[in-house]
Amino acid sequence: MPERHGFALRLVVLLVGIAYLALGVLGIFVPGNFGSTGGGPFTSHQPQYTLWIFSVGPLLNIMRIGIGVLALIAARGDRGATIFSLAAAVWLAGVSAYSVLVMITGTGDRLNLNWASVVLHLVTMVVTATVGFLGMRRKSHVRS
């Protein structure tokens, strides 16, 4: 049973990694995304820069690619998946707090956020926190 539990945790981290890496890499190819004309989403909120329903921007793409690559690396083992999940949950809690604040006040949006991206980050935060805590719980049961 513990083997299946560890596999499930790694699978969730792998899926998070694939989703974030795909969103980050594909976001690079949204026309005008890097602001070659008119400043692009690097300088302010510009809702026309979206991929499906999620906003894209240079900083947001870099963050998503980073999360995706780290998740893919971490998914190779139980310990890595647990550590990544807890670190990602903390990081995404900060990003989510910033995102909600920016969306409510409408000022200071350097990531070019929209509500779909905010929800994505919040859901990912909950999922990674759950995976991290389950991984820690699993380790404590294995030791006892």
N, C-alpha and C. Protein backbone atom coordinates (compact mmCIF):
# COMPACT_ATOMS: atom_id res chain seq x y z
N MET A 1 0.82 -1.21 0.00
CA MET A 1 0.00 0.00 0.00
C MET A 1 0.86 1.27 0.00
N PRO A 2 1.93 1.35 0.81
CA PRO A 2 2.74 2.56 0.79
C PRO A 2 3.33 2.86 -0.59
N GLU A 3 3.67 1.82 -1.36
CA GLU A 3 4.21 2.04 -2.70
C GLU A 3 3.20 2.77 -3.59
N ARG A 4 1.94 2.37 -3.51
CA ARG A 4 0.90 3.00 -4.33
C ARG A 4 0.68 4.44 -3.89
N HIS A 5 0.75 4.67 -2.58
CA HIS A 5 0.56 6.02 -2.05
C HIS A 5 1.66 6.95 -2.57
N GLY A 6 2.91 6.48 -2.51
CA GLY A 6 4.03 7.28 -3.00
C GLY A 6 3.92 7.53 -4.49
N PHE A 7 3.49 6.53 -5.24
CA PHE A 7 3.31 6.69 -6.68
C PHE A 7 2.25 7.74 -6.97
N ALA A 8 1.16 7.72 -6.23
CA ALA A 8 0.08 8.70 -6.45
C ALA A 8 0.57 10.12 -6.18
N LEU A 9 1.36 10.31 -5.12
CA LEU A 9 1.89 11.63 -4.81
C LEU A 9 2.82 12.11 -5.93
N ARG A 10 3.68 11.23 -6.39
CA ARG A 10 4.60 11.59 -7.48
C ARG A 10 3.83 11.88 -8.77
N LEU A 11 2.77 11.14 -9.01
CA LEU A 11 1.96 11.36 -10.21
C LEU A 11 1.30 12.74 -10.18
N VAL A 12 0.79 13.14 -9.04
CA VAL A 12 0.17 14.47 -8.92
C VAL A 12 1.22 15.55 -9.18
N VAL A 13 2.41 15.40 -8.61
CA VAL A 13 3.48 16.38 -8.83
C VAL A 13 3.88 16.39 -10.31
N LEU A 14 3.95 15.23 -10.93
CA LEU A 14 4.26 15.14 -12.35
C LEU A 14 3.22 15.88 -13.19
N LEU A 15 1.94 15.69 -12.88
CA LEU A 15 0.88 16.37 -13.63
C LEU A 15 0.93 17.88 -13.43
N VAL A 16 1.22 18.33 -12.21
CA VAL A 16 1.40 19.77 -11.96
C VAL A 16 2.56 20.28 -12.81
N GLY A 17 3.64 19.54 -12.84
CA GLY A 17 4.81 19.94 -13.62
C GLY A 17 4.51 20.05 -15.10
N ILE A 18 3.84 19.06 -15.64
CA ILE A 18 3.50 19.08 -17.07
C ILE A 18 2.58 20.26 -17.38
N ALA A 19 1.57 20.47 -16.56
CA ALA A 19 0.62 21.56 -16.80
C ALA A 19 1.30 22.93 -16.74
N TYR A 20 2.10 23.15 -15.71
CA TYR A 20 2.75 24.45 -15.57
C TYR A 20 3.82 24.68 -16.64
N LEU A 21 4.58 23.64 -16.96
CA LEU A 21 5.59 23.78 -18.00
C LEU A 21 4.93 24.08 -19.34
N ALA A 22 3.87 23.36 -19.66
CA ALA A 22 3.17 23.60 -20.93
C ALA A 22 2.60 25.02 -20.98
N LEU A 23 1.97 25.45 -19.90
CA LEU A 23 1.38 26.79 -19.87
C LEU A 23 2.46 27.87 -19.99
N GLY A 24 3.59 27.66 -19.31
CA GLY A 24 4.68 28.64 -19.38
C GLY A 24 5.33 28.70 -20.75
N VAL A 25 5.62 27.54 -21.33
CA VAL A 25 6.28 27.51 -22.64
C VAL A 25 5.33 28.01 -23.72
N LEU A 26 4.10 27.54 -23.72
CA LEU A 26 3.14 28.00 -24.74
C LEU A 26 2.84 29.49 -24.58
N GLY A 27 2.88 29.99 -23.35
CA GLY A 27 2.65 31.41 -23.12
C GLY A 27 3.68 32.31 -23.78
N ILE A 28 4.87 31.78 -23.97
CA ILE A 28 5.93 32.54 -24.65
C ILE A 28 5.53 32.86 -26.08
N PHE A 29 4.78 31.97 -26.70
CA PHE A 29 4.46 32.12 -28.12
C PHE A 29 3.18 32.91 -28.39
N VAL A 30 2.56 33.45 -27.36
CA VAL A 30 1.40 34.33 -27.57
C VAL A 30 1.92 35.61 -28.24
N PRO A 31 1.37 35.98 -29.40
CA PRO A 31 1.88 37.15 -30.13
C PRO A 31 1.93 38.41 -29.27
N GLY A 32 3.07 39.10 -29.32
CA GLY A 32 3.24 40.35 -28.59
C GLY A 32 3.52 40.17 -27.11
N ASN A 33 3.63 38.95 -26.66
CA ASN A 33 3.76 38.66 -25.24
C ASN A 33 4.98 39.31 -24.61
N PHE A 34 6.09 39.35 -25.32
CA PHE A 34 7.29 39.91 -24.72
C PHE A 34 7.42 41.41 -24.94
N GLY A 35 6.37 42.04 -25.38
CA GLY A 35 6.31 43.49 -25.39
C GLY A 35 7.24 44.15 -26.38
N SER A 36 7.44 43.53 -27.55
CA SER A 36 8.32 44.14 -28.54
C SER A 36 7.76 45.46 -29.05
N THR A 37 6.43 45.62 -28.99
CA THR A 37 5.83 46.90 -29.35
C THR A 37 4.82 47.29 -28.29
N GLY A 38 4.84 48.51 -27.90
CA GLY A 38 3.83 49.03 -26.97
C GLY A 38 3.97 48.57 -25.53
N GLY A 39 5.13 48.08 -25.15
CA GLY A 39 5.33 47.72 -23.75
C GLY A 39 4.90 46.32 -23.39
N GLY A 40 3.90 45.77 -24.06
CA GLY A 40 3.44 44.42 -23.75
C GLY A 40 3.01 44.28 -22.30
N PRO A 41 2.84 43.05 -21.84
CA PRO A 41 2.36 42.84 -20.47
C PRO A 41 3.45 43.02 -19.41
N PHE A 42 4.65 43.45 -19.82
CA PHE A 42 5.73 43.64 -18.86
C PHE A 42 5.51 44.90 -18.02
N THR A 43 4.75 45.85 -18.55
CA THR A 43 4.63 47.13 -17.87
C THR A 43 3.30 47.35 -17.18
N SER A 44 2.28 46.62 -17.56
CA SER A 44 0.97 46.83 -16.95
C SER A 44 0.05 45.66 -17.30
N HIS A 45 -1.14 45.69 -16.73
CA HIS A 45 -2.13 44.65 -17.02
C HIS A 45 -2.69 44.85 -18.42
N GLN A 46 -2.58 43.82 -19.24
CA GLN A 46 -3.12 43.88 -20.59
C GLN A 46 -3.85 42.56 -20.87
N PRO A 47 -5.17 42.56 -20.74
CA PRO A 47 -5.95 41.32 -20.79
C PRO A 47 -5.95 40.60 -22.14
N GLN A 48 -5.49 41.23 -23.21
CA GLN A 48 -5.49 40.54 -24.50
C GLN A 48 -4.43 39.44 -24.57
N TYR A 49 -3.50 39.42 -23.63
CA TYR A 49 -2.47 38.39 -23.62
C TYR A 49 -2.92 37.21 -22.78
N THR A 50 -3.60 36.27 -23.43
CA THR A 50 -4.09 35.08 -22.72
C THR A 50 -3.80 33.83 -23.55
N LEU A 51 -3.72 32.73 -22.85
CA LEU A 51 -3.60 31.42 -23.47
C LEU A 51 -4.76 30.61 -22.93
N TRP A 52 -5.70 30.31 -23.80
CA TRP A 52 -6.98 29.72 -23.45
C TRP A 52 -7.68 30.71 -22.52
N ILE A 53 -7.79 30.45 -21.21
CA ILE A 53 -8.42 31.41 -20.31
C ILE A 53 -7.40 32.02 -19.35
N PHE A 54 -6.16 31.56 -19.40
CA PHE A 54 -5.15 32.00 -18.44
C PHE A 54 -4.32 33.14 -19.00
N SER A 55 -4.04 34.12 -18.15
CA SER A 55 -3.21 35.23 -18.57
C SER A 55 -1.77 34.78 -18.71
N VAL A 56 -1.05 35.45 -19.60
CA VAL A 56 0.37 35.18 -19.80
C VAL A 56 1.13 36.49 -19.78
N GLY A 57 2.35 36.41 -19.43
CA GLY A 57 3.25 37.55 -19.41
C GLY A 57 4.65 37.02 -19.15
N PRO A 58 5.66 37.79 -19.46
CA PRO A 58 7.03 37.30 -19.30
C PRO A 58 7.34 36.78 -17.89
N LEU A 59 7.01 37.53 -16.87
CA LEU A 59 7.30 37.09 -15.51
C LEU A 59 6.47 35.88 -15.12
N LEU A 60 5.22 35.87 -15.52
CA LEU A 60 4.33 34.75 -15.23
C LEU A 60 4.80 33.49 -15.95
N ASN A 61 5.25 33.64 -17.19
CA ASN A 61 5.77 32.49 -17.95
C ASN A 61 7.02 31.92 -17.29
N ILE A 62 7.92 32.79 -16.87
CA ILE A 62 9.15 32.34 -16.20
C ILE A 62 8.80 31.60 -14.92
N MET A 63 7.88 32.14 -14.14
CA MET A 63 7.47 31.48 -12.90
C MET A 63 6.87 30.10 -13.19
N ARG A 64 6.01 30.03 -14.17
CA ARG A 64 5.35 28.76 -14.49
C ARG A 64 6.35 27.73 -15.04
N ILE A 65 7.27 28.18 -15.87
CA ILE A 65 8.30 27.26 -16.38
C ILE A 65 9.15 26.75 -15.22
N GLY A 66 9.52 27.64 -14.31
CA GLY A 66 10.31 27.23 -13.15
C GLY A 66 9.59 26.20 -12.30
N ILE A 67 8.32 26.45 -12.01
CA ILE A 67 7.53 25.49 -11.23
C ILE A 67 7.43 24.17 -11.98
N GLY A 68 7.20 24.24 -13.28
CA GLY A 68 7.06 23.02 -14.08
C GLY A 68 8.33 22.18 -14.09
N VAL A 69 9.46 22.82 -14.33
CA VAL A 69 10.74 22.09 -14.36
C VAL A 69 11.05 21.49 -13.00
N LEU A 70 10.89 22.28 -11.94
CA LEU A 70 11.16 21.76 -10.59
C LEU A 70 10.23 20.60 -10.24
N ALA A 71 8.98 20.69 -10.65
CA ALA A 71 8.03 19.61 -10.37
C ALA A 71 8.42 18.33 -11.12
N LEU A 72 8.84 18.48 -12.37
CA LEU A 72 9.25 17.30 -13.13
C LEU A 72 10.47 16.62 -12.50
N ILE A 73 11.40 17.42 -12.03
CA ILE A 73 12.58 16.87 -11.35
C ILE A 73 12.16 16.20 -10.04
N ALA A 74 11.30 16.88 -9.28
CA ALA A 74 10.88 16.38 -7.97
C ALA A 74 10.04 15.11 -8.06
N ALA A 75 9.35 14.93 -9.16
CA ALA A 75 8.46 13.77 -9.31
C ALA A 75 9.21 12.45 -9.42
N ARG A 76 10.53 12.51 -9.48
CA ARG A 76 11.32 11.29 -9.61
C ARG A 76 11.37 10.48 -8.32
N GLY A 77 11.11 11.11 -7.17
CA GLY A 77 11.16 10.38 -5.91
C GLY A 77 10.16 10.91 -4.90
N ASP A 78 9.85 10.09 -3.91
CA ASP A 78 8.88 10.49 -2.89
C ASP A 78 9.34 11.70 -2.09
N ARG A 79 10.59 11.68 -1.67
CA ARG A 79 11.12 12.79 -0.86
C ARG A 79 11.11 14.10 -1.65
N GLY A 80 11.56 14.04 -2.90
CA GLY A 80 11.56 15.23 -3.75
C GLY A 80 10.16 15.76 -3.98
N ALA A 81 9.21 14.86 -4.20
CA ALA A 81 7.82 15.28 -4.42
C ALA A 81 7.26 15.96 -3.19
N THR A 82 7.59 15.43 -2.01
CA THR A 82 7.10 16.03 -0.77
C THR A 82 7.71 17.41 -0.55
N ILE A 83 9.03 17.51 -0.70
CA ILE A 83 9.71 18.80 -0.49
C ILE A 83 9.23 19.83 -1.51
N PHE A 84 9.18 19.43 -2.78
CA PHE A 84 8.69 20.35 -3.80
C PHE A 84 7.28 20.83 -3.48
N SER A 85 6.42 19.90 -3.10
CA SER A 85 5.01 20.24 -2.85
C SER A 85 4.87 21.27 -1.74
N LEU A 86 5.63 21.08 -0.66
CA LEU A 86 5.56 22.05 0.44
C LEU A 86 6.12 23.41 0.03
N ALA A 87 7.26 23.40 -0.68
CA ALA A 87 7.85 24.66 -1.14
C ALA A 87 6.94 25.36 -2.15
N ALA A 88 6.37 24.60 -3.06
CA ALA A 88 5.46 25.20 -4.05
C ALA A 88 4.21 25.76 -3.38
N ALA A 89 3.72 25.07 -2.36
CA ALA A 89 2.53 25.56 -1.65
C ALA A 89 2.82 26.90 -0.98
N VAL A 90 3.99 27.02 -0.37
CA VAL A 90 4.36 28.29 0.27
C VAL A 90 4.52 29.38 -0.79
N TRP A 91 5.23 29.08 -1.87
CA TRP A 91 5.44 30.05 -2.95
C TRP A 91 4.09 30.49 -3.54
N LEU A 92 3.23 29.52 -3.84
CA LEU A 92 1.95 29.84 -4.45
C LEU A 92 1.00 30.54 -3.48
N ALA A 93 1.19 30.34 -2.19
CA ALA A 93 0.40 31.10 -1.21
C ALA A 93 0.75 32.58 -1.32
N GLY A 94 2.04 32.88 -1.45
CA GLY A 94 2.47 34.27 -1.62
C GLY A 94 1.98 34.85 -2.93
N VAL A 95 2.13 34.09 -4.01
CA VAL A 95 1.67 34.55 -5.32
C VAL A 95 0.16 34.75 -5.30
N SER A 96 -0.56 33.85 -4.65
CA SER A 96 -2.02 33.97 -4.58
C SER A 96 -2.44 35.19 -3.78
N ALA A 97 -1.76 35.43 -2.67
CA ALA A 97 -2.09 36.62 -1.87
C ALA A 97 -1.86 37.89 -2.69
N TYR A 98 -0.71 37.96 -3.37
CA TYR A 98 -0.42 39.09 -4.24
C TYR A 98 -1.48 39.20 -5.34
N SER A 99 -1.82 38.07 -5.95
CA SER A 99 -2.77 38.05 -7.06
C SER A 99 -4.14 38.55 -6.65
N VAL A 100 -4.64 38.06 -5.53
CA VAL A 100 -5.96 38.49 -5.06
C VAL A 100 -5.94 39.98 -4.74
N LEU A 101 -4.89 40.44 -4.09
CA LEU A 101 -4.76 41.86 -3.77
C LEU A 101 -4.75 42.71 -5.04
N VAL A 102 -3.98 42.30 -6.03
CA VAL A 102 -3.91 43.04 -7.30
C VAL A 102 -5.25 43.04 -8.01
N MET A 103 -5.92 41.90 -8.02
CA MET A 103 -7.20 41.82 -8.73
C MET A 103 -8.28 42.66 -8.04
N ILE A 104 -8.25 42.72 -6.72
CA ILE A 104 -9.25 43.50 -5.99
C ILE A 104 -8.99 44.99 -6.13
N THR A 105 -7.72 45.40 -5.97
CA THR A 105 -7.40 46.83 -6.03
C THR A 105 -7.25 47.33 -7.46
N GLY A 106 -6.85 46.44 -8.37
CA GLY A 106 -6.67 46.85 -9.76
C GLY A 106 -5.40 47.64 -10.02
N THR A 107 -4.46 47.61 -9.08
CA THR A 107 -3.22 48.36 -9.27
C THR A 107 -2.01 47.45 -9.04
N GLY A 108 -0.89 47.84 -9.63
CA GLY A 108 0.37 47.16 -9.38
C GLY A 108 0.51 45.79 -10.00
N ASP A 109 -0.21 45.51 -11.07
CA ASP A 109 -0.18 44.18 -11.69
C ASP A 109 1.01 44.06 -12.63
N ARG A 110 2.11 43.53 -12.14
CA ARG A 110 3.30 43.32 -12.97
C ARG A 110 3.34 41.93 -13.59
N LEU A 111 2.40 41.06 -13.20
CA LEU A 111 2.37 39.70 -13.74
C LEU A 111 1.33 39.52 -14.84
N ASN A 112 0.51 40.54 -15.09
CA ASN A 112 -0.58 40.46 -16.07
C ASN A 112 -1.56 39.35 -15.70
N LEU A 113 -2.15 39.47 -14.53
CA LEU A 113 -3.03 38.43 -13.99
C LEU A 113 -4.48 38.60 -14.42
N ASN A 114 -5.20 37.49 -14.40
CA ASN A 114 -6.66 37.52 -14.51
C ASN A 114 -7.19 36.52 -13.48
N TRP A 115 -8.52 36.50 -13.31
CA TRP A 115 -9.09 35.65 -12.27
C TRP A 115 -8.86 34.16 -12.53
N ALA A 116 -8.82 33.76 -13.79
CA ALA A 116 -8.56 32.34 -14.09
C ALA A 116 -7.17 31.94 -13.59
N SER A 117 -6.20 32.80 -13.78
CA SER A 117 -4.84 32.51 -13.29
C SER A 117 -4.79 32.50 -11.77
N VAL A 118 -5.53 33.41 -11.15
CA VAL A 118 -5.58 33.45 -9.68
C VAL A 118 -6.16 32.13 -9.15
N VAL A 119 -7.25 31.68 -9.76
CA VAL A 119 -7.87 30.42 -9.33
C VAL A 119 -6.91 29.25 -9.57
N LEU A 120 -6.22 29.25 -10.71
CA LEU A 120 -5.24 28.19 -11.00
C LEU A 120 -4.18 28.13 -9.90
N HIS A 121 -3.66 29.29 -9.51
CA HIS A 121 -2.62 29.32 -8.47
C HIS A 121 -3.18 28.88 -7.12
N LEU A 122 -4.39 29.30 -6.79
CA LEU A 122 -5.00 28.89 -5.52
C LEU A 122 -5.25 27.38 -5.48
N VAL A 123 -5.79 26.84 -6.56
CA VAL A 123 -6.06 25.40 -6.61
C VAL A 123 -4.74 24.62 -6.54
N THR A 124 -3.74 25.07 -7.28
CA THR A 124 -2.44 24.39 -7.24
C THR A 124 -1.83 24.48 -5.85
N MET A 125 -2.01 25.60 -5.17
CA MET A 125 -1.50 25.74 -3.81
C MET A 125 -2.14 24.69 -2.90
N VAL A 126 -3.45 24.54 -2.98
CA VAL A 126 -4.16 23.56 -2.15
C VAL A 126 -3.71 22.14 -2.49
N VAL A 127 -3.59 21.84 -3.77
CA VAL A 127 -3.17 20.50 -4.20
C VAL A 127 -1.76 20.20 -3.72
N THR A 128 -0.83 21.14 -3.93
CA THR A 128 0.56 20.88 -3.53
C THR A 128 0.69 20.81 -2.01
N ALA A 129 -0.06 21.62 -1.28
CA ALA A 129 -0.03 21.53 0.19
C ALA A 129 -0.54 20.17 0.64
N THR A 130 -1.61 19.71 0.03
CA THR A 130 -2.16 18.39 0.38
C THR A 130 -1.16 17.28 0.09
N VAL A 131 -0.54 17.33 -1.08
CA VAL A 131 0.47 16.32 -1.44
C VAL A 131 1.64 16.38 -0.46
N GLY A 132 2.08 17.59 -0.14
CA GLY A 132 3.20 17.73 0.80
C GLY A 132 2.88 17.18 2.17
N PHE A 133 1.71 17.49 2.69
CA PHE A 133 1.34 17.00 4.02
C PHE A 133 1.09 15.50 4.02
N LEU A 134 0.52 14.98 2.94
CA LEU A 134 0.34 13.53 2.84
C LEU A 134 1.70 12.82 2.77
N GLY A 135 2.62 13.42 2.04
CA GLY A 135 3.97 12.86 1.96
C GLY A 135 4.67 12.87 3.31
N MET A 136 4.50 13.94 4.07
CA MET A 136 5.09 14.01 5.42
C MET A 136 4.43 12.99 6.33
N ARG A 137 3.14 12.87 6.24
CA ARG A 137 2.39 11.93 7.07
C ARG A 137 2.82 10.50 6.75
N ARG A 138 2.99 10.23 5.48
CA ARG A 138 3.42 8.91 5.03
C ARG A 138 4.79 8.59 5.60
N LYS A 139 5.69 9.56 5.57
CA LYS A 139 7.04 9.34 6.10
C LYS A 139 7.01 9.06 7.59
N SER A 140 6.15 9.77 8.33
CA SER A 140 6.10 9.55 9.78
C SER A 140 5.52 8.17 10.10
N HIS A 141 4.59 7.68 9.26
CA HIS A 141 4.04 6.34 9.48
C HIS A 141 5.06 5.25 9.12
N VAL A 142 5.88 5.51 8.12
CA VAL A 142 6.88 4.54 7.72
C VAL A 142 7.94 4.40 8.81
N ARG A 143 8.30 5.51 9.46
CA ARG A 143 9.31 5.48 10.52
C ARG A 143 8.84 4.76 11.77
N SER A 144 7.53 4.90 12.11
CA SER A 144 7.06 4.30 13.36
C SER A 144 6.85 2.82 13.28
